């Protein structure tokens, strides 16, 4: 895997248990932050069912060991780790490795 990490925002810009959106090269990325684990997830902000950039406004939840974001439009649940849709295996969101490093949120956009 490449070491090409792109800085998106400051750690202080994140909102615990919620999403924010970042724009990188005309692509919207939804960032979700779990403060207890100091863990951040990055998935596409585009909802493939609702055809709108709204995923960052979704609700974080869990099903078994799977953390997910539920789309705010039609409630499909997408796993935060890899973007897989728990409700329809034909659907998915693009997902990227993300981390907090030296107070910055970074996403690995290219492998």
N, C-alpha and C. Protein backbone atom coordinates (compact mmCIF):
# COMPACT_ATOMS: atom_id res chain seq x y z
N UNK A 1 0.85 -1.18 0.00
CA UNK A 1 0.00 0.00 0.00
C UNK A 1 0.89 1.24 0.00
N UNK A 2 0.45 2.23 -0.67
CA UNK A 2 1.19 3.48 -0.80
C UNK A 2 1.19 4.25 0.51
N UNK A 3 2.14 5.16 0.63
CA UNK A 3 2.20 6.05 1.80
C UNK A 3 1.65 7.42 1.46
N UNK A 4 0.88 7.55 0.40
CA UNK A 4 0.34 8.84 -0.03
C UNK A 4 -0.91 9.19 0.75
N UNK A 5 -0.72 9.91 1.84
CA UNK A 5 -1.84 10.34 2.67
C UNK A 5 -2.15 11.79 2.35
N UNK A 6 -3.42 12.11 2.21
CA UNK A 6 -3.88 13.47 1.92
C UNK A 6 -4.54 14.05 3.17
N UNK A 7 -4.07 15.21 3.60
CA UNK A 7 -4.66 15.89 4.75
C UNK A 7 -5.99 16.52 4.34
N UNK A 8 -7.04 16.24 5.12
CA UNK A 8 -8.36 16.77 4.80
C UNK A 8 -8.80 17.88 5.74
N UNK A 9 -8.49 17.72 7.03
CA UNK A 9 -8.92 18.70 8.02
C UNK A 9 -8.18 18.47 9.32
N UNK A 10 -8.43 19.31 10.27
CA UNK A 10 -7.85 19.16 11.60
C UNK A 10 -8.71 18.17 12.41
N UNK A 11 -8.07 17.47 13.32
CA UNK A 11 -8.79 16.57 14.22
C UNK A 11 -9.90 17.33 14.96
N UNK A 12 -9.64 18.60 15.29
CA UNK A 12 -10.63 19.40 16.01
C UNK A 12 -11.86 19.75 15.16
N UNK A 13 -11.79 19.55 13.85
CA UNK A 13 -12.94 19.80 12.97
C UNK A 13 -13.96 18.66 13.02
N UNK A 14 -13.55 17.51 13.52
CA UNK A 14 -14.44 16.35 13.58
C UNK A 14 -15.47 16.50 14.69
N UNK A 15 -16.61 15.87 14.48
CA UNK A 15 -17.69 15.86 15.45
C UNK A 15 -17.92 14.41 15.86
N UNK A 16 -17.78 14.13 17.14
CA UNK A 16 -17.94 12.76 17.62
C UNK A 16 -19.29 12.15 17.28
N UNK A 17 -19.26 10.90 16.84
CA UNK A 17 -20.47 10.12 16.52
C UNK A 17 -21.31 10.79 15.44
N UNK A 18 -20.66 11.51 14.57
CA UNK A 18 -21.35 12.23 13.51
C UNK A 18 -20.46 12.31 12.28
N UNK A 19 -21.04 12.81 11.18
CA UNK A 19 -20.28 12.93 9.95
C UNK A 19 -20.07 14.37 9.53
N UNK A 20 -19.00 14.58 8.79
CA UNK A 20 -18.75 15.84 8.11
C UNK A 20 -18.33 15.50 6.70
N UNK A 21 -18.37 16.47 5.82
CA UNK A 21 -18.02 16.23 4.42
C UNK A 21 -16.78 17.04 4.06
N UNK A 22 -15.90 16.42 3.27
CA UNK A 22 -14.71 17.10 2.76
C UNK A 22 -14.71 16.96 1.24
N UNK A 23 -14.26 18.00 0.56
CA UNK A 23 -14.19 17.98 -0.90
C UNK A 23 -12.73 17.83 -1.31
N UNK A 24 -12.44 16.77 -2.07
CA UNK A 24 -11.09 16.50 -2.55
C UNK A 24 -11.16 16.22 -4.05
N UNK A 25 -10.52 17.08 -4.83
CA UNK A 25 -10.51 16.89 -6.30
C UNK A 25 -11.91 16.65 -6.86
N UNK A 26 -12.85 17.50 -6.51
CA UNK A 26 -14.24 17.42 -6.97
C UNK A 26 -14.97 16.17 -6.49
N UNK A 27 -14.44 15.49 -5.49
CA UNK A 27 -15.08 14.30 -4.94
C UNK A 27 -15.43 14.55 -3.47
N UNK A 28 -16.67 14.29 -3.10
CA UNK A 28 -17.09 14.49 -1.72
C UNK A 28 -16.84 13.22 -0.91
N UNK A 29 -16.16 13.41 0.22
CA UNK A 29 -15.84 12.30 1.12
C UNK A 29 -16.50 12.56 2.47
N UNK A 30 -17.25 11.57 2.94
CA UNK A 30 -17.90 11.66 4.25
C UNK A 30 -16.95 11.09 5.29
N UNK A 31 -16.68 11.86 6.34
CA UNK A 31 -15.81 11.42 7.43
C UNK A 31 -16.65 11.20 8.69
N UNK A 32 -16.45 10.06 9.33
CA UNK A 32 -17.17 9.74 10.56
C UNK A 32 -16.15 9.47 11.66
N UNK A 33 -16.42 10.01 12.85
CA UNK A 33 -15.45 9.97 13.94
C UNK A 33 -16.04 9.32 15.18
N UNK A 34 -15.30 8.33 15.70
CA UNK A 34 -15.65 7.68 16.96
C UNK A 34 -14.59 8.07 17.98
N UNK A 35 -14.88 9.04 18.85
CA UNK A 35 -13.85 9.58 19.75
C UNK A 35 -13.32 8.58 20.78
N UNK A 36 -14.12 7.63 21.22
CA UNK A 36 -13.65 6.67 22.23
C UNK A 36 -12.47 5.84 21.71
N UNK A 37 -12.51 5.52 20.44
CA UNK A 37 -11.43 4.72 19.83
C UNK A 37 -10.43 5.60 19.07
N UNK A 38 -10.66 6.91 19.05
CA UNK A 38 -9.87 7.83 18.21
C UNK A 38 -9.79 7.30 16.79
N UNK A 39 -10.94 6.88 16.25
CA UNK A 39 -11.01 6.24 14.95
C UNK A 39 -11.84 7.08 14.00
N UNK A 40 -11.35 7.21 12.77
CA UNK A 40 -12.06 7.96 11.75
C UNK A 40 -12.25 7.05 10.53
N UNK A 41 -13.40 7.19 9.87
CA UNK A 41 -13.73 6.41 8.69
C UNK A 41 -14.02 7.36 7.54
N UNK A 42 -13.66 6.94 6.33
CA UNK A 42 -13.89 7.77 5.14
C UNK A 42 -14.60 6.95 4.07
N UNK A 43 -15.79 7.41 3.66
CA UNK A 43 -16.55 6.77 2.59
C UNK A 43 -17.08 7.85 1.66
N UNK A 44 -17.50 7.43 0.48
CA UNK A 44 -18.09 8.37 -0.46
C UNK A 44 -19.33 9.03 0.14
N UNK A 45 -19.50 10.30 -0.12
CA UNK A 45 -20.68 11.01 0.38
C UNK A 45 -21.90 10.80 -0.52
N UNK A 46 -21.71 10.17 -1.67
CA UNK A 46 -22.79 10.01 -2.65
C UNK A 46 -23.64 8.79 -2.33
N UNK A 47 -24.93 9.00 -2.13
CA UNK A 47 -25.89 7.93 -1.88
C UNK A 47 -26.33 7.36 -3.23
N UNK A 48 -25.98 6.09 -3.53
CA UNK A 48 -26.32 5.53 -4.84
C UNK A 48 -27.81 5.29 -5.05
N UNK A 49 -28.60 5.21 -4.00
CA UNK A 49 -30.04 5.02 -4.13
C UNK A 49 -30.75 6.37 -4.26
N UNK A 50 -30.45 7.28 -3.37
CA UNK A 50 -31.08 8.60 -3.38
C UNK A 50 -30.49 9.54 -4.42
N UNK A 51 -29.33 9.15 -5.00
CA UNK A 51 -28.66 9.95 -6.04
C UNK A 51 -28.37 11.37 -5.57
N UNK A 52 -27.85 11.47 -4.33
CA UNK A 52 -27.52 12.78 -3.76
C UNK A 52 -26.33 12.63 -2.82
N UNK A 53 -25.59 13.71 -2.63
CA UNK A 53 -24.45 13.73 -1.72
C UNK A 53 -24.93 14.02 -0.30
N UNK A 54 -25.32 12.96 0.42
CA UNK A 54 -25.94 13.13 1.74
C UNK A 54 -25.44 12.15 2.81
N UNK A 55 -24.55 11.25 2.47
CA UNK A 55 -24.15 10.21 3.42
C UNK A 55 -23.57 10.79 4.70
N UNK A 56 -22.87 11.92 4.62
CA UNK A 56 -22.28 12.51 5.82
C UNK A 56 -23.35 12.92 6.84
N UNK A 57 -24.59 13.01 6.42
CA UNK A 57 -25.70 13.37 7.32
C UNK A 57 -26.42 12.14 7.87
N UNK A 58 -25.87 10.96 7.56
CA UNK A 58 -26.46 9.72 8.02
C UNK A 58 -26.20 9.48 9.50
N UNK A 59 -26.82 8.44 10.02
CA UNK A 59 -26.71 8.08 11.44
C UNK A 59 -25.81 6.87 11.59
N UNK A 60 -24.85 6.96 12.52
CA UNK A 60 -23.95 5.85 12.79
C UNK A 60 -24.66 4.85 13.71
N UNK A 61 -24.46 3.58 13.40
CA UNK A 61 -25.02 2.52 14.23
C UNK A 61 -24.16 1.28 14.15
N UNK A 62 -24.64 0.20 14.73
CA UNK A 62 -23.91 -1.07 14.65
C UNK A 62 -24.90 -2.21 14.53
N UNK A 63 -24.42 -3.26 13.86
CA UNK A 63 -25.18 -4.49 13.72
C UNK A 63 -24.16 -5.61 13.94
N UNK A 64 -24.24 -6.29 15.07
CA UNK A 64 -23.20 -7.25 15.42
C UNK A 64 -21.89 -6.51 15.57
N UNK A 65 -20.86 -6.96 14.87
CA UNK A 65 -19.55 -6.32 14.90
C UNK A 65 -19.40 -5.24 13.84
N UNK A 66 -20.42 -5.04 13.00
CA UNK A 66 -20.33 -4.08 11.90
C UNK A 66 -20.78 -2.69 12.31
N UNK A 67 -19.89 -1.71 12.18
CA UNK A 67 -20.27 -0.30 12.33
C UNK A 67 -20.79 0.16 10.97
N UNK A 68 -21.88 0.92 10.97
CA UNK A 68 -22.44 1.36 9.69
C UNK A 68 -22.93 2.79 9.80
N UNK A 69 -23.16 3.37 8.61
CA UNK A 69 -23.87 4.63 8.52
C UNK A 69 -25.15 4.33 7.76
N UNK A 70 -26.28 4.80 8.27
CA UNK A 70 -27.56 4.63 7.59
C UNK A 70 -27.82 5.88 6.75
N UNK A 71 -28.11 5.68 5.48
CA UNK A 71 -28.41 6.81 4.61
C UNK A 71 -29.57 7.61 5.17
N UNK A 72 -29.48 8.93 5.14
CA UNK A 72 -30.59 9.74 5.66
C UNK A 72 -31.81 9.73 4.74
N UNK A 73 -31.66 9.24 3.52
CA UNK A 73 -32.80 9.25 2.59
C UNK A 73 -33.64 7.98 2.67
N UNK A 74 -33.05 6.84 2.31
CA UNK A 74 -33.83 5.60 2.27
C UNK A 74 -33.37 4.57 3.29
N UNK A 75 -32.43 4.95 4.15
CA UNK A 75 -32.00 4.17 5.32
C UNK A 75 -31.17 2.92 5.01
N UNK A 76 -30.62 2.76 3.80
CA UNK A 76 -29.69 1.66 3.55
C UNK A 76 -28.51 1.83 4.50
N UNK A 77 -28.00 0.70 5.00
CA UNK A 77 -26.89 0.73 5.96
C UNK A 77 -25.60 0.32 5.25
N UNK A 78 -24.60 1.20 5.32
CA UNK A 78 -23.32 0.96 4.67
C UNK A 78 -22.25 0.79 5.75
N UNK A 79 -21.49 -0.31 5.66
CA UNK A 79 -20.43 -0.58 6.62
C UNK A 79 -19.34 0.48 6.49
N UNK A 80 -18.92 1.04 7.60
CA UNK A 80 -17.92 2.12 7.58
C UNK A 80 -16.53 1.63 7.19
N UNK A 81 -16.21 0.39 7.46
CA UNK A 81 -14.87 -0.12 7.17
C UNK A 81 -14.60 -0.31 5.68
N UNK A 82 -15.64 -0.69 4.92
CA UNK A 82 -15.40 -0.99 3.50
C UNK A 82 -16.51 -0.51 2.56
N UNK A 83 -17.55 0.13 3.06
CA UNK A 83 -18.61 0.67 2.22
C UNK A 83 -19.66 -0.34 1.78
N UNK A 84 -19.54 -1.61 2.16
CA UNK A 84 -20.49 -2.65 1.78
C UNK A 84 -21.87 -2.35 2.35
N UNK A 85 -22.90 -2.52 1.52
CA UNK A 85 -24.27 -2.28 1.97
C UNK A 85 -24.81 -3.53 2.67
N UNK A 86 -25.23 -3.38 3.91
CA UNK A 86 -25.75 -4.50 4.68
C UNK A 86 -27.16 -4.91 4.26
N UNK A 87 -27.84 -4.05 3.50
CA UNK A 87 -29.22 -4.32 3.11
C UNK A 87 -29.38 -4.78 1.67
N UNK A 88 -28.39 -4.51 0.82
CA UNK A 88 -28.46 -4.88 -0.60
C UNK A 88 -27.04 -5.05 -1.09
N UNK A 89 -26.62 -6.31 -1.27
CA UNK A 89 -25.23 -6.57 -1.63
C UNK A 89 -24.83 -6.03 -3.01
N UNK A 90 -25.80 -5.58 -3.80
CA UNK A 90 -25.49 -4.96 -5.09
C UNK A 90 -25.03 -3.51 -4.92
N UNK A 91 -25.20 -2.95 -3.71
CA UNK A 91 -24.83 -1.56 -3.46
C UNK A 91 -23.57 -1.47 -2.62
N UNK A 92 -22.84 -0.39 -2.79
CA UNK A 92 -21.69 -0.11 -1.93
C UNK A 92 -21.27 1.34 -2.08
N UNK A 93 -20.50 1.79 -1.13
CA UNK A 93 -19.87 3.11 -1.18
C UNK A 93 -18.37 2.89 -1.31
N UNK A 94 -17.70 3.78 -1.99
CA UNK A 94 -16.24 3.73 -2.01
C UNK A 94 -15.75 4.07 -0.61
N UNK A 95 -14.74 3.35 -0.14
CA UNK A 95 -14.17 3.59 1.19
C UNK A 95 -12.66 3.73 1.06
N UNK A 96 -12.09 4.56 1.92
CA UNK A 96 -10.65 4.81 1.92
C UNK A 96 -10.09 4.61 3.32
N UNK A 97 -8.82 4.17 3.42
CA UNK A 97 -8.17 4.16 4.73
C UNK A 97 -8.10 5.60 5.25
N UNK A 98 -8.35 5.77 6.53
CA UNK A 98 -8.31 7.10 7.14
C UNK A 98 -7.63 7.00 8.49
N UNK A 99 -7.03 8.10 8.92
CA UNK A 99 -6.34 8.11 10.21
C UNK A 99 -6.25 9.53 10.74
N UNK A 100 -5.95 9.61 12.02
CA UNK A 100 -5.61 10.89 12.66
C UNK A 100 -4.12 10.83 12.92
N UNK A 101 -3.38 11.78 12.35
CA UNK A 101 -1.92 11.78 12.45
C UNK A 101 -1.44 13.20 12.72
N UNK A 102 -0.74 13.39 13.82
CA UNK A 102 -0.22 14.72 14.20
C UNK A 102 -1.32 15.78 14.20
N UNK A 103 -2.50 15.41 14.71
CA UNK A 103 -3.60 16.36 14.84
C UNK A 103 -4.36 16.63 13.56
N UNK A 104 -4.03 15.89 12.49
CA UNK A 104 -4.69 16.08 11.19
C UNK A 104 -5.43 14.81 10.79
N UNK A 105 -6.54 14.96 10.10
CA UNK A 105 -7.25 13.83 9.53
C UNK A 105 -6.70 13.61 8.13
N UNK A 106 -6.24 12.39 7.88
CA UNK A 106 -5.64 12.05 6.60
C UNK A 106 -6.37 10.85 6.00
N UNK A 107 -6.46 10.87 4.67
CA UNK A 107 -7.09 9.78 3.93
C UNK A 107 -6.11 9.33 2.85
N UNK A 108 -6.03 8.02 2.68
CA UNK A 108 -5.16 7.46 1.64
C UNK A 108 -6.00 7.26 0.40
N UNK A 109 -5.91 8.21 -0.52
CA UNK A 109 -6.78 8.22 -1.70
C UNK A 109 -6.30 7.27 -2.79
N UNK A 110 -5.00 7.10 -2.93
CA UNK A 110 -4.46 6.24 -3.99
C UNK A 110 -3.62 5.15 -3.38
N UNK A 111 -3.73 3.97 -3.96
CA UNK A 111 -2.94 2.83 -3.45
C UNK A 111 -1.55 2.86 -4.03
